[in-house]
Amino acid sequence: MTTPAIHADGLVRDFGPIRALDHLSFEVPAGIVFGFLGPNGAGKTTAIRTFLGLVDPTAGSARVLGYDTRREGDRIRERAGALLEHHGLYERLTAEQNLDFAGRIWRMSPGDRRARTRELLEQFGLYARRREAAGKWSRGMKQKLAVARAVFHRPPLVFLDEPTAGLDPVASAALRDDLAALASGQGVTVFLTTHNLVEAERLCDLVGVIRNGKLAALGPPSTLRPRETSTVRVSGTGLDASVAADVSALPGVLGAAIEGGELVVHLREGERASALVSLLVARDVGIDEVRRDRQSLEETFLELVHEDGDR
């Protein structure tokens, strides 16, 4: 049986009266992109610091790459990469120099450092500008270089704390592609914190949602996709107040009204629209379209995290 990259068992972390992690339990299989979602202050960064052995849990336990976070934090940090709140680049150094310096810290040989520098700069589309000072680069390019530095020593696991925050859509999409390539091409487990549900859907194999330090949901992104609501909208000809009144009288209909030229019908949960359509046909309504509203991604996320005092 393959050892999971991360195994958390009832993690609790208190900071005085504040409980940042509240009996958090889940597993992250090796070799995937795992998305850890939650609003600001929900406990995402505290979880990463606990997994890296930088913060001891108040209760519970965790194993990362098979190592206990309380007793073997040094071994975890030797084998993991991390990009947390700040990119931490040396902005007066070039891209090559930033990566070479990281390689020296990891005691890699000069030949290995040169080869790895070229490999990563080419992979991230930065090689042509390798001799430019990093301080002159855009935020998106700096984030790419910071990710390259985090994986420079070929760690099997890398923690990235909201790496696309503040990036424009084009830069965010490019960085997402790079992260996907790390997992699929190099077998790296990527632990990605984000509050962006769209990003999680496009990139992650598995997602966990944290709320007030507790796990609110865990599963593949399909479990977080917008669901259909109980609101049906009908467009066409012959729709008027009298039709809406007849529809309102149907069993299973909570209410109906004409809004913006459409008939908007609110059904009970789980009710089908077949009786509604039959009535409209009987009333000689010219139906152009019948559609159910879909819950937006934002609504889905807010429903999951239910922002009621998140820390």
Protein backbone atom coordinates (compact mmCIF):
# COMPACT_ATOMS: atom_id res chain seq x y z
CA MET A 1 0.00 0.00 0.00
CA THR A 2 1.36 3.41 -1.00
CA THR A 3 2.15 5.72 1.90
CA PRO A 4 0.06 8.91 1.69
CA ALA A 5 1.95 12.16 1.33
CA ILE A 6 0.05 13.56 4.30
CA HIS A 7 -1.98 11.86 7.01
CA ALA A 8 -3.69 14.09 9.59
CA ASP A 9 -5.45 12.50 12.55
CA GLY A 10 -7.53 14.75 14.79
CA LEU A 11 -5.23 17.76 14.59
CA VAL A 12 -5.95 20.51 17.09
CA ARG A 13 -3.96 23.72 17.35
CA ASP A 14 -4.84 26.42 19.87
CA PHE A 15 -3.36 29.89 20.09
CA GLY A 16 -4.52 30.96 23.52
CA PRO A 17 -8.32 31.10 23.38
CA ILE A 18 -8.35 30.77 19.58
CA ARG A 19 -8.71 27.30 18.09
CA ALA A 20 -7.10 27.48 14.64
CA LEU A 21 -7.37 23.74 13.86
CA ASP A 22 -10.26 21.77 15.27
CA HIS A 23 -9.85 17.96 15.09
CA LEU A 24 -8.71 18.02 11.47
CA SER A 25 -8.45 14.57 9.85
CA PHE A 26 -7.75 13.70 6.19
CA GLU A 27 -5.24 12.07 3.84
CA VAL A 28 -3.50 13.36 0.74
CA PRO A 29 -2.41 10.60 -1.67
CA ALA A 30 1.05 10.91 -3.21
CA GLY A 31 1.49 12.37 -6.69
CA ILE A 32 -1.63 14.54 -6.92
CA VAL A 33 -2.54 18.22 -6.73
CA PHE A 34 -4.49 18.69 -3.51
CA GLY A 35 -6.48 21.88 -3.05
CA PHE A 36 -7.06 23.16 0.47
CA LEU A 37 -9.84 25.74 0.29
CA GLY A 38 -11.15 28.16 2.84
CA PRO A 39 -11.69 31.84 3.56
CA ASN A 40 -8.91 33.97 4.98
CA GLY A 41 -8.23 32.95 8.57
CA ALA A 42 -9.87 29.53 8.30
CA GLY A 43 -6.69 27.70 9.34
CA LYS A 44 -5.02 26.91 6.01
CA THR A 45 -1.61 28.43 6.82
CA THR A 46 -1.62 26.98 10.33
CA ALA A 47 -2.19 23.54 8.81
CA ILE A 48 0.81 23.96 6.48
CA ARG A 49 3.06 25.11 9.33
CA THR A 50 1.94 22.10 11.35
CA PHE A 51 2.65 19.71 8.48
CA LEU A 52 6.12 21.22 8.10
CA GLY A 53 6.83 20.68 11.78
CA LEU A 54 7.13 24.43 12.42
CA VAL A 55 4.18 24.37 14.82
CA ASP A 56 3.35 21.48 17.14
CA PRO A 57 -0.30 20.47 17.38
CA THR A 58 -2.03 20.99 20.70
CA ALA A 59 -3.61 17.55 20.22
CA GLY A 60 -3.79 14.91 17.53
CA SER A 61 -1.00 13.91 15.17
CA ALA A 62 0.16 14.10 11.57
CA ARG A 63 2.60 12.21 9.40
CA VAL A 64 4.11 13.81 6.30
CA LEU A 65 6.03 11.63 3.84
CA GLY A 66 5.88 8.99 6.56
CA TYR A 67 7.49 11.21 9.23
CA ASP A 68 5.90 12.38 12.47
CA THR A 69 5.56 16.16 12.49
CA ARG A 70 6.31 16.47 16.21
CA ARG A 71 9.52 14.42 16.30
CA GLU A 72 10.81 14.50 12.72
CA GLY A 73 10.14 18.01 11.48
CA ASP A 74 13.73 18.38 10.25
CA ARG A 75 13.38 15.32 8.01
CA ILE A 76 10.10 16.64 6.59
CA ARG A 77 11.60 20.04 5.80
CA GLU A 78 14.60 18.37 4.14
CA ARG A 79 12.26 16.54 1.77
CA ALA A 80 9.55 19.13 1.17
CA GLY A 81 9.45 22.41 -0.70
CA ALA A 82 7.43 25.40 0.42
CA LEU A 83 6.27 28.76 -0.87
CA LEU A 84 4.32 30.50 1.88
CA GLU A 85 3.15 34.10 2.24
CA HIS A 86 6.08 35.83 0.48
CA HIS A 87 8.14 34.78 -2.52
CA GLY A 88 11.40 35.49 -0.66
CA LEU A 89 13.45 36.02 -3.82
CA TYR A 90 16.69 38.00 -3.80
CA GLU A 91 15.59 40.71 -6.18
CA ARG A 92 19.11 42.00 -6.96
CA LEU A 93 20.13 38.54 -8.12
CA THR A 94 19.29 37.13 -11.52
CA ALA A 95 16.96 34.18 -11.97
CA GLU A 96 19.97 31.90 -12.47
CA GLN A 97 21.64 33.22 -9.34
CA ASN A 98 18.50 32.79 -7.23
CA LEU A 99 18.20 29.15 -8.23
CA ASP A 100 21.92 28.46 -7.94
CA PHE A 101 21.88 29.89 -4.41
CA ALA A 102 19.00 27.56 -3.51
CA GLY A 103 21.01 24.65 -4.87
CA ARG A 104 23.98 25.62 -2.71
CA ILE A 105 21.76 25.61 0.36
CA TRP A 106 20.65 22.09 -0.56
CA ARG A 107 24.33 21.11 -1.09
CA MET A 108 23.82 20.12 -4.70
CA SER A 109 26.88 19.74 -6.92
CA PRO A 110 27.76 22.54 -9.39
CA GLY A 111 26.87 20.35 -12.36
CA ASP A 112 23.53 19.34 -10.87
CA ARG A 113 22.76 22.98 -10.03
CA ARG A 114 23.43 24.10 -13.61
CA ALA A 115 21.37 21.31 -15.13
CA ARG A 116 18.48 21.80 -12.72
CA THR A 117 18.50 25.57 -13.26
CA ARG A 118 18.20 25.20 -17.01
CA GLU A 119 15.58 22.47 -16.70
CA LEU A 120 13.29 24.52 -14.47
CA LEU A 121 13.75 27.87 -16.20
CA GLU A 122 12.86 26.22 -19.50
CA GLN A 123 9.89 24.43 -17.97
CA PHE A 124 8.53 27.67 -16.50
CA GLY A 125 9.21 29.69 -19.65
CA LEU A 126 11.84 31.90 -18.00
CA TYR A 127 15.08 30.73 -19.62
CA ALA A 128 15.34 33.57 -22.14
CA ARG A 129 15.39 36.06 -19.26
CA ARG A 130 17.60 34.06 -16.94
CA ARG A 131 20.24 36.78 -16.59
CA GLU A 132 17.83 39.56 -15.62
CA ALA A 133 17.53 40.74 -12.03
CA ALA A 134 14.40 39.21 -10.50
CA GLY A 135 13.39 42.57 -9.04
CA LYS A 136 12.62 43.86 -12.55
CA TRP A 137 10.12 41.09 -13.26
CA SER A 138 6.34 41.08 -13.08
CA ARG A 139 4.61 39.52 -10.08
CA GLY A 140 3.61 36.52 -12.18
CA MET A 141 7.18 35.85 -13.30
CA LYS A 142 8.43 36.20 -9.73
CA GLN A 143 5.88 33.67 -8.55
CA LYS A 144 7.01 31.21 -11.22
CA LEU A 145 10.63 31.65 -10.17
CA ALA A 146 9.66 31.20 -6.52
CA VAL A 147 7.87 27.93 -7.33
CA ALA A 148 10.91 26.79 -9.31
CA ARG A 149 13.10 27.52 -6.30
CA ALA A 150 10.70 25.61 -4.00
CA VAL A 151 11.05 22.46 -6.13
CA PHE A 152 14.71 22.94 -7.04
CA HIS A 153 15.97 20.11 -4.80
CA ARG A 154 13.39 17.70 -6.30
CA PRO A 155 11.16 17.34 -3.26
CA PRO A 156 8.38 14.75 -3.49
CA LEU A 157 6.01 17.24 -1.79
CA VAL A 158 5.64 20.99 -2.16
CA PHE A 159 3.41 23.34 -0.14
CA LEU A 160 2.14 26.42 -1.95
CA ASP A 161 0.15 28.98 0.02
CA GLU A 162 -2.14 30.86 -2.40
CA PRO A 163 0.54 31.14 -5.12
CA THR A 164 -1.78 32.86 -7.63
CA ALA A 165 -3.09 35.51 -5.21
CA GLY A 166 -2.80 38.94 -6.78
CA LEU A 167 -1.95 37.63 -10.25
CA ASP A 168 -3.89 38.65 -13.34
CA PRO A 169 -5.96 35.94 -15.08
CA VAL A 170 -3.32 35.23 -17.74
CA ALA A 171 -0.51 34.84 -15.20
CA SER A 172 -2.74 32.71 -12.95
CA ALA A 173 -3.61 30.36 -15.82
CA ALA A 174 0.05 30.01 -16.82
CA LEU A 175 1.11 29.19 -13.26
CA ARG A 176 -1.71 26.65 -12.92
CA ASP A 177 -0.41 24.89 -16.05
CA ASP A 178 3.07 24.79 -14.56
CA LEU A 179 1.79 23.31 -11.30
CA ALA A 180 -0.20 20.65 -13.14
CA ALA A 181 2.94 19.69 -15.05
CA LEU A 182 4.86 19.24 -11.79
CA ALA A 183 2.37 16.64 -10.58
CA SER A 184 1.76 14.86 -13.88
CA GLY A 185 5.29 15.04 -15.28
CA GLN A 186 7.48 14.79 -12.19
CA GLY A 187 5.20 12.98 -9.71
CA VAL A 188 5.37 15.82 -7.17
CA THR A 189 2.56 16.04 -4.63
CA VAL A 190 1.33 19.65 -4.67
CA PHE A 191 -0.48 20.89 -1.56
CA LEU A 192 -2.16 24.09 -2.71
CA THR A 193 -4.08 26.46 -0.46
CA THR A 194 -6.53 28.76 -2.18
CA HIS A 195 -9.88 30.45 -1.71
CA ASN A 196 -10.50 30.31 -5.47
CA LEU A 197 -12.99 27.55 -6.30
CA VAL A 198 -12.48 27.99 -10.06
CA GLU A 199 -8.75 27.39 -9.61
CA ALA A 200 -9.41 24.28 -7.54
CA GLU A 201 -11.80 22.89 -10.15
CA ARG A 202 -9.34 23.36 -12.99
CA LEU A 203 -6.22 22.14 -11.25
CA CYS A 204 -6.87 19.82 -8.32
CA ASP A 205 -7.42 16.07 -8.22
CA LEU A 206 -8.77 16.23 -4.67
CA VAL A 207 -10.01 19.15 -2.59
CA GLY A 208 -10.63 19.76 1.09
CA VAL A 209 -12.63 22.68 2.42
CA ILE A 210 -11.78 24.06 5.85
CA ARG A 211 -14.14 26.18 7.93
CA ASN A 212 -13.29 27.50 11.40
CA GLY A 213 -10.45 24.99 11.57
CA LYS A 214 -12.75 22.05 10.79
CA LEU A 215 -12.95 20.00 7.61
CA ALA A 216 -16.23 20.96 5.92
CA ALA A 217 -15.86 18.83 2.77
CA LEU A 218 -13.39 16.44 1.14
CA GLY A 219 -13.58 14.91 -2.31
CA PRO A 220 -12.85 15.38 -6.01
CA PRO A 221 -13.65 18.77 -7.54
CA SER A 222 -16.85 17.39 -9.04
CA THR A 223 -18.34 17.40 -5.54
CA LEU A 224 -17.98 21.19 -5.47
CA ARG A 225 -19.39 21.94 -8.88
CA PRO A 226 -22.42 24.21 -8.97
CA ARG A 227 -25.67 22.33 -8.51
CA GLU A 228 -29.06 23.00 -9.99
CA THR A 229 -31.46 24.98 -7.83
CA SER A 230 -35.23 24.70 -7.60
CA THR A 231 -35.81 27.83 -9.69
CA VAL A 232 -37.03 27.33 -13.27
CA ARG A 233 -37.08 30.08 -15.89
CA VAL A 234 -39.28 29.93 -18.98
CA SER A 235 -38.90 32.22 -21.97
CA GLY A 236 -41.34 32.44 -24.90
CA THR A 237 -44.55 34.13 -26.02
CA GLY A 238 -47.92 34.30 -24.27
CA LEU A 239 -46.43 34.59 -20.80
CA ASP A 240 -48.47 36.93 -18.59
CA ALA A 241 -49.74 37.36 -15.05
CA SER A 242 -52.67 35.00 -15.57
CA VAL A 243 -50.32 32.20 -16.67
CA ALA A 244 -48.15 32.87 -13.63
CA ALA A 245 -51.21 32.64 -11.38
CA ASP A 246 -52.19 29.26 -12.88
CA VAL A 247 -48.64 27.96 -12.48
CA SER A 248 -48.58 29.13 -8.84
CA ALA A 249 -51.59 26.90 -8.16
CA LEU A 250 -49.80 23.74 -9.30
CA PRO A 251 -48.79 21.18 -6.64
CA GLY A 252 -45.09 21.51 -5.80
CA VAL A 253 -44.90 25.17 -6.90
CA LEU A 254 -43.96 27.65 -4.19
CA GLY A 255 -44.53 30.70 -6.35
CA ALA A 256 -44.37 32.08 -9.88
CA ALA A 257 -44.05 35.55 -11.40
CA ILE A 258 -43.17 37.35 -14.60
CA GLU A 259 -39.72 38.90 -14.31
CA GLY A 260 -37.97 40.61 -17.22
CA GLY A 261 -40.31 39.00 -19.71
CA GLU A 262 -39.62 35.50 -18.35
CA LEU A 263 -41.75 33.25 -16.19
CA VAL A 264 -39.79 32.52 -13.00
CA VAL A 265 -41.06 29.51 -11.07
CA HIS A 266 -39.87 28.41 -7.62
CA LEU A 267 -40.37 24.69 -7.06
CA ARG A 268 -40.14 22.62 -3.91
CA GLU A 269 -36.77 20.84 -3.50
CA GLY A 270 -36.60 17.84 -5.84
CA GLU A 271 -39.76 18.77 -7.77
CA ARG A 272 -39.67 18.17 -11.52
CA ALA A 273 -40.81 20.73 -14.11
CA SER A 274 -42.93 18.33 -16.19
CA ALA A 275 -46.31 19.48 -14.79
CA LEU A 276 -45.29 23.09 -15.36
CA VAL A 277 -44.45 22.42 -19.02
CA SER A 278 -47.71 20.50 -19.56
CA LEU A 279 -49.74 23.43 -18.20
CA LEU A 280 -47.91 25.93 -20.40
CA VAL A 281 -48.52 23.80 -23.49
CA ALA A 282 -52.23 23.55 -22.58
CA ARG A 283 -52.35 27.34 -22.29
CA ASP A 284 -50.86 27.67 -25.82
CA VAL A 285 -47.72 29.35 -24.56
CA GLY A 286 -45.00 29.49 -27.23
CA ILE A 287 -42.07 28.01 -25.28
CA ASP A 288 -38.61 29.00 -26.46
CA GLU A 289 -36.59 27.70 -23.49
CA VAL A 290 -37.06 26.05 -20.11
CA ARG A 291 -34.00 26.06 -17.87
CA ARG A 292 -33.09 25.63 -14.23
CA ASP A 293 -30.90 28.17 -12.51
CA ARG A 294 -27.52 26.90 -11.40
CA GLN A 295 -25.90 27.89 -8.18
CA SER A 296 -22.86 30.04 -8.88
CA LEU A 297 -19.37 28.90 -7.91
CA GLU A 298 -19.26 31.69 -5.37
CA GLU A 299 -22.57 30.59 -3.84
CA THR A 300 -21.34 27.00 -3.69
CA PHE A 301 -18.18 28.03 -1.89
CA LEU A 302 -19.99 30.31 0.55
CA GLU A 303 -22.45 27.54 1.30
CA LEU A 304 -19.57 25.19 2.10
CA VAL A 305 -17.63 27.59 4.28
CA HIS A 306 -20.76 29.30 5.74
CA GLU A 307 -18.85 32.37 6.82
CA ASP A 308 -19.97 32.72 10.42
CA GLY A 309 -16.98 33.90 12.36
CA ASP A 310 -14.16 32.19 10.46
CA ARG A 311 -10.75 32.78 11.97
